[in-house]
């Protein structure tokens, strides 16, 4: 979280759903309650073609380390997908 605070410059820009210490450091802690209907709503949007996820690259599971490295660089445009088995 300290790295995020340094990058954001203003602590009020920080929000976390994972670390309640965000509020103590000037940010916001957002408590979320998972709703089992949300995944179904997202699936319905996808089925109607109203939800699109941009996939930057799809890599085989054997290249998971490469996917991790690409993710750490922070220069991908969209999601990295690991394929399990044949495509």
PDB file of N, CA and C in Angstrom:
ATOM      1  N   UNK A   1       0.816  -1.181   0.000  1.00  0.00           N
ATOM      2  CA  UNK A   1       0.000   0.000   0.000  1.00  0.00           C
ATOM      3  C   UNK A   1       0.871   1.260   0.000  1.00  0.00           C
ATOM      4  N   UNK A   2       2.009   1.218   0.642  1.00  0.00           N
ATOM      5  CA  UNK A   2       2.883   2.390   0.686  1.00  0.00           C
ATOM      6  C   UNK A   2       3.350   2.793  -0.707  1.00  0.00           C
ATOM      7  N   UNK A   3       3.614   1.804  -1.561  1.00  0.00           N
ATOM      8  CA  UNK A   3       4.011   2.111  -2.943  1.00  0.00           C
ATOM      9  C   UNK A   3       2.865   2.808  -3.662  1.00  0.00           C
ATOM     10  N   UNK A   4       1.650   2.316  -3.472  1.00  0.00           N
ATOM     11  CA  UNK A   4       0.488   2.941  -4.112  1.00  0.00           C
ATOM     12  C   UNK A   4       0.333   4.383  -3.657  1.00  0.00           C
ATOM     13  N   UNK A   5       0.504   4.614  -2.367  1.00  0.00           N
ATOM     14  CA  UNK A   5       0.379   5.980  -1.854  1.00  0.00           C
ATOM     15  C   UNK A   5       1.409   6.912  -2.473  1.00  0.00           C
ATOM     16  N   UNK A   6       2.623   6.440  -2.639  1.00  0.00           N
ATOM     17  CA  UNK A   6       3.659   7.274  -3.261  1.00  0.00           C
ATOM     18  C   UNK A   6       3.322   7.565  -4.725  1.00  0.00           C
ATOM     19  N   UNK A   7       2.803   6.580  -5.429  1.00  0.00           N
ATOM     20  CA  UNK A   7       2.473   6.769  -6.840  1.00  0.00           C
ATOM     21  C   UNK A   7       1.273   7.691  -7.032  1.00  0.00           C
ATOM     22  N   UNK A   8       0.322   7.621  -6.134  1.00  0.00           N
ATOM     23  CA  UNK A   8      -0.897   8.419  -6.269  1.00  0.00           C
ATOM     24  C   UNK A   8      -0.695   9.885  -5.892  1.00  0.00           C
ATOM     25  N   UNK A   9       0.315  10.175  -5.123  1.00  0.00           N
ATOM     26  CA  UNK A   9       0.641  11.522  -4.660  1.00  0.00           C
ATOM     27  C   UNK A   9      -0.367  12.063  -3.644  1.00  0.00           C
ATOM     28  N   UNK A  10      -1.655  11.822  -3.841  1.00  0.00           N
ATOM     29  CA  UNK A  10      -2.677  12.288  -2.897  1.00  0.00           C
ATOM     30  C   UNK A  10      -3.346  11.067  -2.283  1.00  0.00           C
ATOM     31  N   UNK A  11      -3.251  10.897  -0.966  1.00  0.00           N
ATOM     32  CA  UNK A  11      -3.777   9.684  -0.336  1.00  0.00           C
ATOM     33  C   UNK A  11      -5.274   9.474  -0.514  1.00  0.00           C
ATOM     34  N   UNK A  12      -6.030  10.542  -0.702  1.00  0.00           N
ATOM     35  CA  UNK A  12      -7.487  10.368  -0.850  1.00  0.00           C
ATOM     36  C   UNK A  12      -7.856   9.641  -2.143  1.00  0.00           C
ATOM     37  N   UNK A  13      -6.909   9.452  -3.049  1.00  0.00           N
ATOM     38  CA  UNK A  13      -7.167   8.704  -4.279  1.00  0.00           C
ATOM     39  C   UNK A  13      -7.097   7.190  -4.070  1.00  0.00           C
ATOM     40  N   UNK A  14      -6.569   6.772  -2.935  1.00  0.00           N
ATOM     41  CA  UNK A  14      -6.402   5.345  -2.659  1.00  0.00           C
ATOM     42  C   UNK A  14      -7.699   4.740  -2.150  1.00  0.00           C
ATOM     43  N   UNK A  15      -8.090   3.619  -2.731  1.00  0.00           N
ATOM     44  CA  UNK A  15      -9.239   2.853  -2.251  1.00  0.00           C
ATOM     45  C   UNK A  15      -8.840   1.390  -2.255  1.00  0.00           C
ATOM     46  N   UNK A  16      -9.236   0.674  -1.224  1.00  0.00           N
ATOM     47  CA  UNK A  16      -8.873  -0.735  -1.130  1.00  0.00           C
ATOM     48  C   UNK A  16     -10.060  -1.545  -0.644  1.00  0.00           C
ATOM     49  N   UNK A  17     -10.225  -2.718  -1.236  1.00  0.00           N
ATOM     50  CA  UNK A  17     -11.213  -3.671  -0.725  1.00  0.00           C
ATOM     51  C   UNK A  17     -10.504  -4.763   0.063  1.00  0.00           C
ATOM     52  N   UNK A  18      -9.174  -4.690   0.128  1.00  0.00           N
ATOM     53  CA  UNK A  18      -8.387  -5.744   0.763  1.00  0.00           C
ATOM     54  C   UNK A  18      -7.709  -5.314   2.058  1.00  0.00           C
ATOM     55  N   UNK A  19      -7.430  -4.025   2.206  1.00  0.00           N
ATOM     56  CA  UNK A  19      -6.634  -3.574   3.341  1.00  0.00           C
ATOM     57  C   UNK A  19      -7.333  -2.460   4.102  1.00  0.00           C
ATOM     58  N   UNK A  20      -7.863  -2.763   5.284  1.00  0.00           N
ATOM     59  CA  UNK A  20      -8.557  -1.732   6.058  1.00  0.00           C
ATOM     60  C   UNK A  20      -7.642  -0.599   6.520  1.00  0.00           C
ATOM     61  N   UNK A  21      -6.330  -0.798   6.440  1.00  0.00           N
ATOM     62  CA  UNK A  21      -5.389   0.261   6.825  1.00  0.00           C
ATOM     63  C   UNK A  21      -5.415   1.428   5.838  1.00  0.00           C
ATOM     64  N   UNK A  22      -6.065   1.262   4.696  1.00  0.00           N
ATOM     65  CA  UNK A  22      -6.142   2.350   3.719  1.00  0.00           C
ATOM     66  C   UNK A  22      -6.756   3.593   4.344  1.00  0.00           C
ATOM     67  N   UNK A  23      -7.789   3.424   5.135  1.00  0.00           N
ATOM     68  CA  UNK A  23      -8.447   4.572   5.773  1.00  0.00           C
ATOM     69  C   UNK A  23      -7.520   5.259   6.762  1.00  0.00           C
ATOM     70  N   UNK A  24      -6.743   4.483   7.492  1.00  0.00           N
ATOM     71  CA  UNK A  24      -5.819   5.058   8.464  1.00  0.00           C
ATOM     72  C   UNK A  24      -4.711   5.858   7.784  1.00  0.00           C
ATOM     73  N   UNK A  25      -4.475   5.603   6.513  1.00  0.00           N
ATOM     74  CA  UNK A  25      -3.418   6.297   5.781  1.00  0.00           C
ATOM     75  C   UNK A  25      -3.976   7.391   4.873  1.00  0.00           C
ATOM     76  N   UNK A  26      -5.238   7.750   5.068  1.00  0.00           N
ATOM     77  CA  UNK A  26      -5.819   8.858   4.316  1.00  0.00           C
ATOM     78  C   UNK A  26      -6.644   8.449   3.112  1.00  0.00           C
ATOM     79  N   UNK A  27      -6.711   7.158   2.840  1.00  0.00           N
ATOM     80  CA  UNK A  27      -7.487   6.671   1.697  1.00  0.00           C
ATOM     81  C   UNK A  27      -8.858   6.192   2.128  1.00  0.00           C
ATOM     82  N   UNK A  28      -9.394   5.262   1.391  1.00  0.00           N
ATOM     83  CA  UNK A  28     -10.730   4.740   1.654  1.00  0.00           C
ATOM     84  C   UNK A  28     -10.683   3.221   1.697  1.00  0.00           C
ATOM     85  N   UNK A  29     -11.297   2.665   2.706  1.00  0.00           N
ATOM     86  CA  UNK A  29     -11.479   1.216   2.764  1.00  0.00           C
ATOM     87  C   UNK A  29     -12.917   0.957   2.369  1.00  0.00           C
ATOM     88  N   UNK A  30     -13.107   0.184   1.331  1.00  0.00           N
ATOM     89  CA  UNK A  30     -14.439  -0.090   0.817  1.00  0.00           C
ATOM     90  C   UNK A  30     -14.781  -1.532   1.135  1.00  0.00           C
ATOM     91  N   UNK A  31     -15.746  -1.703   2.005  1.00  0.00           N
ATOM     92  CA  UNK A  31     -16.168  -3.051   2.368  1.00  0.00           C
ATOM     93  C   UNK A  31     -17.193  -3.505   1.343  1.00  0.00           C
ATOM     94  N   UNK A  32     -16.968  -4.659   0.794  1.00  0.00           N
ATOM     95  CA  UNK A  32     -17.890  -5.172  -0.224  1.00  0.00           C
ATOM     96  C   UNK A  32     -18.543  -6.457   0.258  1.00  0.00           C
ATOM     97  N   UNK A  33     -19.733  -6.653  -0.197  1.00  0.00           N
ATOM     98  CA  UNK A  33     -20.455  -7.873   0.115  1.00  0.00           C
ATOM     99  C   UNK A  33     -20.760  -8.562  -1.213  1.00  0.00           C
ATOM    100  N   UNK A  34     -20.127  -9.708  -1.474  1.00  0.00           N
ATOM    101  CA  UNK A  34     -20.380 -10.410  -2.735  1.00  0.00           C
ATOM    102  C   UNK A  34     -21.867 -10.733  -2.901  1.00  0.00           C
ATOM    103  N   UNK A  35     -22.373 -10.509  -4.072  1.00  0.00           N
ATOM    104  CA  UNK A  35     -23.767 -10.787  -4.376  1.00  0.00           C
ATOM    105  C   UNK A  35     -23.807 -11.910  -5.414  1.00  0.00           C
ATOM    106  N   UNK A  36     -24.410 -13.041  -5.081  1.00  0.00           N
ATOM    107  CA  UNK A  36     -24.414 -14.175  -6.027  1.00  0.00           C
ATOM    108  C   UNK A  36     -25.141 -13.885  -7.336  1.00  0.00           C
ATOM    109  N   UNK A  37     -25.927 -12.814  -7.380  1.00  0.00           N
ATOM    110  CA  UNK A  37     -26.622 -12.480  -8.629  1.00  0.00           C
ATOM    111  C   UNK A  37     -25.713 -11.727  -9.610  1.00  0.00           C
ATOM    112  N   UNK A  38     -24.641 -11.139  -9.128  1.00  0.00           N
ATOM    113  CA  UNK A  38     -23.760 -10.368 -10.008  1.00  0.00           C
ATOM    114  C   UNK A  38     -23.160 -11.192 -11.143  1.00  0.00           C
ATOM    115  N   UNK A  39     -22.582 -12.376 -10.867  1.00  0.00           N
ATOM    116  CA  UNK A  39     -22.040 -13.158 -11.988  1.00  0.00           C
ATOM    117  C   UNK A  39     -23.101 -13.517 -13.021  1.00  0.00           C
ATOM    118  N   UNK A  40     -24.313 -13.801 -12.572  1.00  0.00           N
ATOM    119  CA  UNK A  40     -25.391 -14.130 -13.515  1.00  0.00           C
ATOM    120  C   UNK A  40     -25.738 -12.917 -14.372  1.00  0.00           C
ATOM    121  N   UNK A  41     -25.737 -11.739 -13.778  1.00  0.00           N
ATOM    122  CA  UNK A  41     -26.029 -10.516 -14.533  1.00  0.00           C
ATOM    123  C   UNK A  41     -24.932 -10.254 -15.558  1.00  0.00           C
ATOM    124  N   UNK A  42     -23.686 -10.469 -15.177  1.00  0.00           N
ATOM    125  CA  UNK A  42     -22.585 -10.300 -16.126  1.00  0.00           C
ATOM    126  C   UNK A  42     -22.678 -11.311 -17.262  1.00  0.00           C
ATOM    127  N   UNK A  43     -23.027 -12.546 -16.935  1.00  0.00           N
ATOM    128  CA  UNK A  43     -23.179 -13.576 -17.972  1.00  0.00           C
ATOM    129  C   UNK A  43     -24.292 -13.197 -18.942  1.00  0.00           C
ATOM    130  N   UNK A  44     -25.383 -12.649 -18.436  1.00  0.00           N
ATOM    131  CA  UNK A  44     -26.494 -12.240 -19.299  1.00  0.00           C
ATOM    132  C   UNK A  44     -26.052 -11.110 -20.235  1.00  0.00           C
ATOM    133  N   UNK A  45     -25.296 -10.144 -19.713  1.00  0.00           N
ATOM    134  CA  UNK A  45     -24.778  -9.068 -20.562  1.00  0.00           C
ATOM    135  C   UNK A  45     -23.870  -9.626 -21.654  1.00  0.00           C
ATOM    136  N   UNK A  46     -23.017 -10.567 -21.294  1.00  0.00           N
ATOM    137  CA  UNK A  46     -22.120 -11.175 -22.280  1.00  0.00           C
ATOM    138  C   UNK A  46     -22.910 -11.938 -23.331  1.00  0.00           C
ATOM    139  N   UNK A  47     -23.926 -12.673 -22.901  1.00  0.00           N
ATOM    140  CA  UNK A  47     -24.754 -13.429 -23.846  1.00  0.00           C
ATOM    141  C   UNK A  47     -25.449 -12.514 -24.849  1.00  0.00           C
ATOM    142  N   UNK A  48     -25.818 -11.319 -24.407  1.00  0.00           N
ATOM    143  CA  UNK A  48     -26.493 -10.365 -25.297  1.00  0.00           C
ATOM    144  C   UNK A  48     -25.499  -9.535 -26.109  1.00  0.00           C
ATOM    145  N   UNK A  49     -24.215  -9.774 -25.909  1.00  0.00           N
ATOM    146  CA  UNK A  49     -23.202  -9.025 -26.635  1.00  0.00           C
ATOM    147  C   UNK A  49     -23.006  -7.613 -26.110  1.00  0.00           C
ATOM    148  N   UNK A  50     -23.459  -7.353 -24.902  1.00  0.00           N
ATOM    149  CA  UNK A  50     -23.364  -6.016 -24.313  1.00  0.00           C
ATOM    150  C   UNK A  50     -22.169  -5.877 -23.376  1.00  0.00           C
ATOM    151  N   UNK A  51     -21.403  -6.918 -23.230  1.00  0.00           N
ATOM    152  CA  UNK A  51     -20.224  -6.893 -22.373  1.00  0.00           C
ATOM    153  C   UNK A  51     -19.068  -7.482 -23.155  1.00  0.00           C
ATOM    154  N   UNK A  52     -18.017  -6.739 -23.245  1.00  0.00           N
ATOM    155  CA  UNK A  52     -16.852  -7.223 -23.971  1.00  0.00           C
ATOM    156  C   UNK A  52     -15.616  -7.059 -23.098  1.00  0.00           C
ATOM    157  N   UNK A  53     -14.765  -8.040 -23.125  1.00  0.00           N
ATOM    158  CA  UNK A  53     -13.508  -7.988 -22.399  1.00  0.00           C
ATOM    159  C   UNK A  53     -12.396  -8.084 -23.424  1.00  0.00           C
ATOM    160  N   UNK A  54     -11.537  -7.083 -23.434  1.00  0.00           N
ATOM    161  CA  UNK A  54     -10.434  -7.088 -24.386  1.00  0.00           C
ATOM    162  C   UNK A  54      -9.334  -8.011 -23.867  1.00  0.00           C
ATOM    163  N   UNK A  55      -8.957  -8.972 -24.683  1.00  0.00           N
ATOM    164  CA  UNK A  55      -7.880  -9.897 -24.340  1.00  0.00           C
ATOM    165  C   UNK A  55      -6.626  -9.443 -25.070  1.00  0.00           C
ATOM    166  N   UNK A  56      -5.613  -9.081 -24.314  1.00  0.00           N
ATOM    167  CA  UNK A  56      -4.350  -8.656 -24.904  1.00  0.00           C
ATOM    168  C   UNK A  56      -3.620  -9.848 -25.489  1.00  0.00           C
ATOM    169  N   UNK A  57      -3.496 -10.914 -24.691  1.00  0.00           N
ATOM    170  CA  UNK A  57      -2.807 -12.122 -25.148  1.00  0.00           C
ATOM    171  C   UNK A  57      -3.397 -13.343 -24.465  1.00  0.00           C
ATOM    172  N   UNK A  58      -3.390 -14.444 -25.192  1.00  0.00           N
ATOM    173  CA  UNK A  58      -3.738 -15.742 -24.622  1.00  0.00           C
ATOM    174  C   UNK A  58      -2.484 -16.604 -24.701  1.00  0.00           C
ATOM    175  N   UNK A  59      -2.096 -17.128 -23.574  1.00  0.00           N
ATOM    176  CA  UNK A  59      -0.876 -17.935 -23.494  1.00  0.00           C
ATOM    177  C   UNK A  59      -1.213 -19.303 -22.922  1.00  0.00           C
ATOM    178  N   UNK A  60      -0.477 -20.337 -23.326  1.00  0.00           N
ATOM    179  CA  UNK A  60      -0.695 -21.648 -22.708  1.00  0.00           C
ATOM    180  C   UNK A  60      -0.231 -21.615 -21.254  1.00  0.00           C
ATOM    181  N   UNK A  61      -0.811 -22.474 -20.452  1.00  0.00           N
ATOM    182  CA  UNK A  61      -0.481 -22.534 -19.032  1.00  0.00           C
ATOM    183  C   UNK A  61       1.021 -22.698 -18.809  1.00  0.00           C
ATOM    184  N   UNK A  62       1.681 -23.378 -19.710  1.00  0.00           N
ATOM    185  CA  UNK A  62       3.125 -23.580 -19.591  1.00  0.00           C
ATOM    186  C   UNK A  62       3.897 -22.258 -19.622  1.00  0.00           C
ATOM    187  N   UNK A  63       3.266 -21.190 -20.120  1.00  0.00           N
ATOM    188  CA  UNK A  63       3.919 -19.879 -20.184  1.00  0.00           C
ATOM    189  C   UNK A  63       3.383 -18.932 -19.115  1.00  0.00           C
ATOM    190  N   UNK A  64       2.918 -19.483 -18.000  1.00  0.00           N
ATOM    191  CA  UNK A  64       2.378 -18.665 -16.915  1.00  0.00           C
ATOM    192  C   UNK A  64       3.414 -17.682 -16.377  1.00  0.00           C
ATOM    193  N   UNK A  65       4.659 -18.101 -16.313  1.00  0.00           N
ATOM    194  CA  UNK A  65       5.710 -17.198 -15.820  1.00  0.00           C
ATOM    195  C   UNK A  65       5.846 -15.987 -16.748  1.00  0.00           C
ATOM    196  N   UNK A  66       5.762 -16.204 -18.045  1.00  0.00           N
ATOM    197  CA  UNK A  66       5.834 -15.100 -19.001  1.00  0.00           C
ATOM    198  C   UNK A  66       4.628 -14.175 -18.832  1.00  0.00           C
ATOM    199  N   UNK A  67       3.450 -14.749 -18.625  1.00  0.00           N
ATOM    200  CA  UNK A  67       2.254 -13.929 -18.395  1.00  0.00           C
ATOM    201  C   UNK A  67       2.431 -13.076 -17.146  1.00  0.00           C
ATOM    202  N   UNK A  68       3.003 -13.650 -16.111  1.00  0.00           N
ATOM    203  CA  UNK A  68       3.248 -12.906 -14.872  1.00  0.00           C
ATOM    204  C   UNK A  68       4.206 -11.745 -15.140  1.00  0.00           C
ATOM    205  N   UNK A  69       5.271 -12.006 -15.901  1.00  0.00           N
ATOM    206  CA  UNK A  69       6.229 -10.948 -16.219  1.00  0.00           C
ATOM    207  C   UNK A  69       5.554  -9.822 -17.019  1.00  0.00           C
ATOM    208  N   UNK A  70       4.746 -10.186 -18.000  1.00  0.00           N
ATOM    209  CA  UNK A  70       4.039  -9.181 -18.797  1.00  0.00           C
ATOM    210  C   UNK A  70       3.110  -8.347 -17.908  1.00  0.00           C
ATOM    211  N   UNK A  71       2.422  -9.008 -17.005  1.00  0.00           N
ATOM    212  CA  UNK A  71       1.521  -8.309 -16.100  1.00  0.00           C
ATOM    213  C   UNK A  71       2.283  -7.337 -15.209  1.00  0.00           C
ATOM    214  N   UNK A  72       3.428  -7.754 -14.714  1.00  0.00           N
ATOM    215  CA  UNK A  72       4.231  -6.910 -13.833  1.00  0.00           C
ATOM    216  C   UNK A  72       4.756  -5.669 -14.558  1.00  0.00           C
ATOM    217  N   UNK A  73       4.960  -5.768 -15.862  1.00  0.00           N
ATOM    218  CA  UNK A  73       5.416  -4.602 -16.624  1.00  0.00           C
ATOM    219  C   UNK A  73       4.346  -3.522 -16.700  1.00  0.00           C
ATOM    220  N   UNK A  74       3.080  -3.949 -16.616  1.00  0.00           N
ATOM    221  CA  UNK A  74       1.982  -2.990 -16.633  1.00  0.00           C
ATOM    222  C   UNK A  74       1.740  -2.331 -17.973  1.00  0.00           C
ATOM    223  N   UNK A  75       2.143  -2.981 -19.040  1.00  0.00           N
ATOM    224  CA  UNK A  75       1.999  -2.358 -20.362  1.00  0.00           C
ATOM    225  C   UNK A  75       1.026  -3.104 -21.264  1.00  0.00           C
ATOM    226  N   UNK A  76       0.282  -4.029 -20.714  1.00  0.00           N
ATOM    227  CA  UNK A  76      -0.694  -4.746 -21.535  1.00  0.00           C
ATOM    228  C   UNK A  76      -1.953  -3.899 -21.668  1.00  0.00           C
ATOM    229  N   UNK A  77      -2.650  -4.097 -22.751  1.00  0.00           N
ATOM    230  CA  UNK A  77      -3.932  -3.423 -22.977  1.00  0.00           C
ATOM    231  C   UNK A  77      -5.014  -4.490 -22.971  1.00  0.00           C
ATOM    232  N   UNK A  78      -5.550  -4.757 -21.826  1.00  0.00           N
ATOM    233  CA  UNK A  78      -6.563  -5.792 -21.698  1.00  0.00           C
ATOM    234  C   UNK A  78      -6.064  -6.923 -20.831  1.00  0.00           C
ATOM    235  N   UNK A  79      -6.774  -8.008 -20.866  1.00  0.00           N
ATOM    236  CA  UNK A  79      -6.494  -9.148 -19.997  1.00  0.00           C
ATOM    237  C   UNK A  79      -5.489 -10.107 -20.617  1.00  0.00           C
ATOM    238  N   UNK A  80      -4.756 -10.764 -19.740  1.00  0.00           N
ATOM    239  CA  UNK A  80      -3.901 -11.876 -20.142  1.00  0.00           C
ATOM    240  C   UNK A  80      -4.647 -13.145 -19.751  1.00  0.00           C
ATOM    241  N   UNK A  81      -4.747 -14.074 -20.682  1.00  0.00           N
ATOM    242  CA  UNK A  81      -5.509 -15.292 -20.462  1.00  0.00           C
ATOM    243  C   UNK A  81      -4.559 -16.472 -20.510  1.00  0.00           C
ATOM    244  N   UNK A  82      -4.678 -17.358 -19.545  1.00  0.00           N
ATOM    245  CA  UNK A  82      -3.915 -18.616 -19.561  1.00  0.00           C
ATOM    246  C   UNK A  82      -4.856 -19.714 -20.020  1.00  0.00           C
ATOM    247  N   UNK A  83      -4.450 -20.410 -21.059  1.00  0.00           N
ATOM    248  CA  UNK A  83      -5.256 -21.516 -21.591  1.00  0.00           C
ATOM    249  C   UNK A  83      -4.809 -22.829 -20.970  1.00  0.00           C
ATOM    250  N   UNK A  84      -5.782 -23.595 -20.516  1.00  0.00           N
ATOM    251  CA  UNK A  84      -5.512 -24.911 -19.955  1.00  0.00           C
ATOM    252  C   UNK A  84      -5.986 -25.931 -20.973  1.00  0.00           C
ATOM    253  N   UNK A  85      -5.080 -26.749 -21.442  1.00  0.00           N
ATOM    254  CA  UNK A  85      -5.444 -27.741 -22.456  1.00  0.00           C
ATOM    255  C   UNK A  85      -5.424 -27.132 -23.850  1.00  0.00           C
ATOM    256  N   UNK A  86      -5.999 -27.849 -24.797  1.00  0.00           N
ATOM    257  CA  UNK A  86      -5.997 -27.383 -26.183  1.00  0.00           C
ATOM    258  C   UNK A  86      -7.044 -26.316 -26.390  1.00  0.00           C
ATOM    259  N   UNK A  87      -6.765 -25.444 -27.370  1.00  0.00           N
ATOM    260  CA  UNK A  87      -7.734 -24.386 -27.688  1.00  0.00           C
ATOM    261  C   UNK A  87      -8.670 -24.821 -28.773  1.00  0.00           C
TER     262      UNK A  87
END
